[in-house]
Structures are given as structure tokens and as C-alpha cells.
Amino acid sequence: MTHTLTLKIISLKETLYDGDVASVTLPTTTGEITVLPRHAPIIGLLTQGTVSVHSGSEIKKISVVSGSYKVHQHELLLLLN
């Protein structure tokens, strides 16, 4: 059974990503973290850097300046400034 994480990346202007992924690596104010399916609930702030979205053998990179993130149950929500 494949486990996935639902990722939503929302900017002030548009939804940049909405789908299931294997993992996401985030630049946070406390360092880089990787969120996997079944991750413990967590909230925090994003810092300038690159979000790496891993879906199968594909990796999508999205540049961010700042924002916040929340992991809850099987969902990762990124709100970008």
C-alpha cells in the first residue's frame, strides 16, 4: 500500500499546487525539514529558499520568500506571502 501526503501550496494570487505527494522538503526558520506521510502535527514559518515536492520519480521545485506551514493528519498546507 502506497502512503501519500496531500499537499496544498497557496499564494496570495493562486493555488500553486494541490495534489498527493511522497514527501516535501521545506526551508523553515529553524532549518530544513522533510515532511513525509503520517508526519506528526506541526506548524511553523517558512524562510526564503526552495520547496522540493517529491512525487514518484518527479521532483518539482518552488521558490519561496516567506510564509507558514501546517501539517495535520495527512495534509500539508503551505501559505506563501
N, C-alpha and C. Protein backbone atom coordinates (compact mmCIF):
# COMPACT_ATOMS: atom_id res chain seq x y z
N MET A 1 0.83 -1.18 0.00
CA MET A 1 0.00 0.00 0.00
C MET A 1 0.88 1.24 0.00
N THR A 2 0.62 2.15 -0.92
CA THR A 2 1.38 3.38 -1.01
C THR A 2 0.75 4.44 -0.12
N HIS A 3 1.58 5.10 0.67
CA HIS A 3 1.09 6.17 1.53
C HIS A 3 1.50 7.50 0.91
N THR A 4 0.57 8.43 0.87
CA THR A 4 0.86 9.74 0.32
C THR A 4 0.41 10.82 1.29
N LEU A 5 0.84 12.01 0.98
CA LEU A 5 0.54 13.20 1.74
C LEU A 5 -0.15 14.16 0.79
N THR A 6 -1.25 14.77 1.20
CA THR A 6 -1.91 15.76 0.36
C THR A 6 -1.24 17.11 0.60
N LEU A 7 -0.76 17.72 -0.48
CA LEU A 7 -0.05 19.00 -0.40
C LEU A 7 -0.89 20.08 -1.06
N LYS A 8 -1.05 21.20 -0.35
CA LYS A 8 -1.67 22.39 -0.92
C LYS A 8 -0.72 23.55 -0.71
N ILE A 9 -0.33 24.21 -1.81
CA ILE A 9 0.52 25.39 -1.75
C ILE A 9 -0.30 26.54 -2.31
N ILE A 10 -0.55 27.53 -1.45
CA ILE A 10 -1.42 28.65 -1.82
C ILE A 10 -0.67 29.96 -1.63
N SER A 11 -0.63 30.77 -2.70
CA SER A 11 -0.04 32.11 -2.61
C SER A 11 -1.19 33.11 -2.51
N LEU A 12 -0.85 34.39 -2.41
CA LEU A 12 -1.88 35.41 -2.34
C LEU A 12 -2.70 35.49 -3.62
N LYS A 13 -2.13 35.05 -4.75
CA LYS A 13 -2.79 35.18 -6.04
C LYS A 13 -3.41 33.89 -6.57
N GLU A 14 -2.86 32.73 -6.18
CA GLU A 14 -3.32 31.49 -6.80
C GLU A 14 -2.92 30.25 -6.00
N THR A 15 -3.52 29.15 -6.34
CA THR A 15 -3.11 27.86 -5.81
C THR A 15 -2.00 27.33 -6.71
N LEU A 16 -0.81 27.14 -6.13
CA LEU A 16 0.35 26.70 -6.90
C LEU A 16 0.43 25.18 -7.03
N TYR A 17 -0.12 24.48 -6.04
CA TYR A 17 -0.07 23.01 -6.08
C TYR A 17 -1.21 22.47 -5.23
N ASP A 18 -1.84 21.43 -5.71
CA ASP A 18 -2.89 20.75 -4.95
C ASP A 18 -2.92 19.30 -5.42
N GLY A 19 -2.31 18.42 -4.63
CA GLY A 19 -2.27 17.02 -5.03
C GLY A 19 -1.54 16.16 -4.01
N ASP A 20 -1.49 14.87 -4.30
CA ASP A 20 -0.83 13.90 -3.43
C ASP A 20 0.65 13.79 -3.79
N VAL A 21 1.50 13.71 -2.76
CA VAL A 21 2.94 13.64 -2.95
C VAL A 21 3.54 12.59 -2.01
N ALA A 22 4.79 12.21 -2.30
CA ALA A 22 5.50 11.26 -1.44
C ALA A 22 6.17 11.97 -0.26
N SER A 23 6.74 13.17 -0.52
CA SER A 23 7.38 13.94 0.53
C SER A 23 7.59 15.37 0.06
N VAL A 24 7.83 16.27 1.02
CA VAL A 24 8.08 17.68 0.71
C VAL A 24 9.20 18.16 1.63
N THR A 25 10.19 18.84 1.05
CA THR A 25 11.27 19.43 1.84
C THR A 25 11.07 20.94 1.88
N LEU A 26 11.10 21.50 3.09
CA LEU A 26 10.77 22.91 3.32
C LEU A 26 11.93 23.68 3.93
N PRO A 27 12.13 24.95 3.50
CA PRO A 27 13.09 25.82 4.19
C PRO A 27 12.36 26.54 5.33
N THR A 28 12.65 26.20 6.57
CA THR A 28 11.96 26.81 7.70
C THR A 28 12.91 27.71 8.47
N THR A 29 12.35 28.49 9.37
CA THR A 29 13.17 29.40 10.17
C THR A 29 14.08 28.65 11.14
N THR A 30 13.81 27.37 11.37
CA THR A 30 14.66 26.57 12.26
C THR A 30 15.51 25.56 11.50
N GLY A 31 15.54 25.67 10.17
CA GLY A 31 16.32 24.76 9.35
C GLY A 31 15.43 24.02 8.37
N GLU A 32 16.05 23.23 7.52
CA GLU A 32 15.31 22.49 6.50
C GLU A 32 14.68 21.24 7.11
N ILE A 33 13.41 21.00 6.76
CA ILE A 33 12.74 19.78 7.23
C ILE A 33 12.10 19.06 6.04
N THR A 34 11.95 17.76 6.18
CA THR A 34 11.24 16.97 5.18
C THR A 34 10.00 16.38 5.84
N VAL A 35 8.86 16.60 5.21
CA VAL A 35 7.58 16.10 5.71
C VAL A 35 7.21 14.87 4.90
N LEU A 36 6.96 13.79 5.61
CA LEU A 36 6.56 12.53 5.00
C LEU A 36 5.13 12.20 5.39
N PRO A 37 4.49 11.26 4.69
CA PRO A 37 3.16 10.82 5.12
C PRO A 37 3.19 10.37 6.58
N ARG A 38 2.11 10.63 7.29
CA ARG A 38 1.97 10.28 8.71
C ARG A 38 2.89 11.10 9.63
N HIS A 39 3.31 12.26 9.17
CA HIS A 39 4.15 13.15 9.98
C HIS A 39 3.34 13.63 11.17
N ALA A 40 4.00 13.88 12.27
CA ALA A 40 3.34 14.43 13.46
C ALA A 40 2.82 15.83 13.15
N PRO A 41 1.73 16.25 13.78
CA PRO A 41 1.23 17.61 13.56
C PRO A 41 2.28 18.65 13.95
N ILE A 42 2.40 19.67 13.11
CA ILE A 42 3.38 20.72 13.35
C ILE A 42 2.96 21.97 12.58
N ILE A 43 3.30 23.14 13.14
CA ILE A 43 3.11 24.40 12.43
C ILE A 43 4.41 25.17 12.54
N GLY A 44 4.65 26.07 11.58
CA GLY A 44 5.88 26.85 11.62
C GLY A 44 5.93 27.88 10.51
N LEU A 45 7.07 28.56 10.45
CA LEU A 45 7.27 29.61 9.46
C LEU A 45 8.28 29.18 8.41
N LEU A 46 8.01 29.58 7.19
CA LEU A 46 8.93 29.34 6.08
C LEU A 46 9.87 30.53 5.94
N THR A 47 11.05 30.25 5.45
CA THR A 47 12.01 31.31 5.15
C THR A 47 12.36 31.21 3.67
N GLN A 48 13.13 32.16 3.19
CA GLN A 48 13.49 32.18 1.78
C GLN A 48 14.26 30.93 1.41
N GLY A 49 13.87 30.32 0.29
CA GLY A 49 14.53 29.10 -0.16
C GLY A 49 13.68 28.39 -1.19
N THR A 50 13.88 27.08 -1.28
CA THR A 50 13.19 26.26 -2.27
C THR A 50 12.42 25.14 -1.60
N VAL A 51 11.16 25.01 -1.96
CA VAL A 51 10.34 23.88 -1.54
C VAL A 51 10.51 22.80 -2.60
N SER A 52 10.90 21.60 -2.19
CA SER A 52 11.06 20.47 -3.11
C SER A 52 9.92 19.49 -2.90
N VAL A 53 9.15 19.29 -3.96
CA VAL A 53 7.98 18.41 -3.91
C VAL A 53 8.35 17.11 -4.62
N HIS A 54 8.34 15.99 -3.89
CA HIS A 54 8.71 14.69 -4.43
C HIS A 54 7.44 13.88 -4.68
N SER A 55 7.22 13.55 -5.94
CA SER A 55 6.04 12.78 -6.32
C SER A 55 6.50 11.69 -7.28
N GLY A 56 6.59 10.46 -6.78
CA GLY A 56 7.13 9.37 -7.60
C GLY A 56 8.59 9.65 -7.93
N SER A 57 8.95 9.60 -9.20
CA SER A 57 10.33 9.89 -9.61
C SER A 57 10.50 11.35 -10.00
N GLU A 58 9.45 12.12 -9.88
CA GLU A 58 9.46 13.54 -10.27
C GLU A 58 9.70 14.44 -9.07
N ILE A 59 10.52 15.49 -9.27
CA ILE A 59 10.76 16.48 -8.22
C ILE A 59 10.43 17.85 -8.81
N LYS A 60 9.51 18.56 -8.14
CA LYS A 60 9.15 19.91 -8.56
C LYS A 60 9.70 20.87 -7.52
N LYS A 61 10.35 21.94 -7.98
CA LYS A 61 10.94 22.92 -7.07
C LYS A 61 10.19 24.23 -7.20
N ILE A 62 9.85 24.81 -6.04
CA ILE A 62 9.12 26.07 -5.98
C ILE A 62 9.87 27.03 -5.07
N SER A 63 10.22 28.20 -5.59
CA SER A 63 10.92 29.21 -4.78
C SER A 63 9.93 29.93 -3.88
N VAL A 64 10.35 30.13 -2.63
CA VAL A 64 9.51 30.86 -1.67
C VAL A 64 10.34 31.95 -1.00
N VAL A 65 9.66 33.01 -0.58
CA VAL A 65 10.31 34.10 0.15
C VAL A 65 9.98 33.98 1.63
N SER A 66 8.69 33.79 1.92
CA SER A 66 8.27 33.60 3.31
C SER A 66 6.86 33.03 3.31
N GLY A 67 6.42 32.63 4.49
CA GLY A 67 5.08 32.07 4.62
C GLY A 67 4.98 31.21 5.86
N SER A 68 3.97 30.36 5.88
CA SER A 68 3.79 29.47 7.02
C SER A 68 3.38 28.09 6.51
N TYR A 69 3.51 27.11 7.40
CA TYR A 69 3.12 25.74 7.03
C TYR A 69 2.42 25.07 8.20
N LYS A 70 1.56 24.12 7.85
CA LYS A 70 0.84 23.35 8.87
C LYS A 70 0.70 21.92 8.39
N VAL A 71 1.10 20.98 9.23
CA VAL A 71 0.88 19.55 8.97
C VAL A 71 -0.19 19.09 9.94
N HIS A 72 -1.26 18.51 9.38
CA HIS A 72 -2.33 17.99 10.22
C HIS A 72 -2.91 16.77 9.53
N GLN A 73 -2.93 15.67 10.24
CA GLN A 73 -3.38 14.39 9.72
C GLN A 73 -2.58 14.05 8.46
N HIS A 74 -3.21 13.94 7.32
CA HIS A 74 -2.49 13.55 6.09
C HIS A 74 -2.36 14.70 5.12
N GLU A 75 -2.31 15.94 5.66
CA GLU A 75 -2.27 17.12 4.80
C GLU A 75 -1.18 18.09 5.22
N LEU A 76 -0.48 18.65 4.23
CA LEU A 76 0.49 19.71 4.44
C LEU A 76 -0.03 20.94 3.71
N LEU A 77 -0.22 22.03 4.43
CA LEU A 77 -0.70 23.27 3.85
C LEU A 77 0.40 24.32 3.94
N LEU A 78 0.76 24.91 2.79
CA LEU A 78 1.74 26.00 2.74
C LEU A 78 1.02 27.26 2.31
N LEU A 79 1.12 28.30 3.12
CA LEU A 79 0.55 29.61 2.78
C LEU A 79 1.71 30.55 2.54
N LEU A 80 1.87 30.99 1.29
CA LEU A 80 3.02 31.82 0.91
C LEU A 80 2.66 33.29 0.87
N ASN A 81 3.58 34.12 1.34
CA ASN A 81 3.41 35.58 1.29
C ASN A 81 3.86 36.09 -0.06
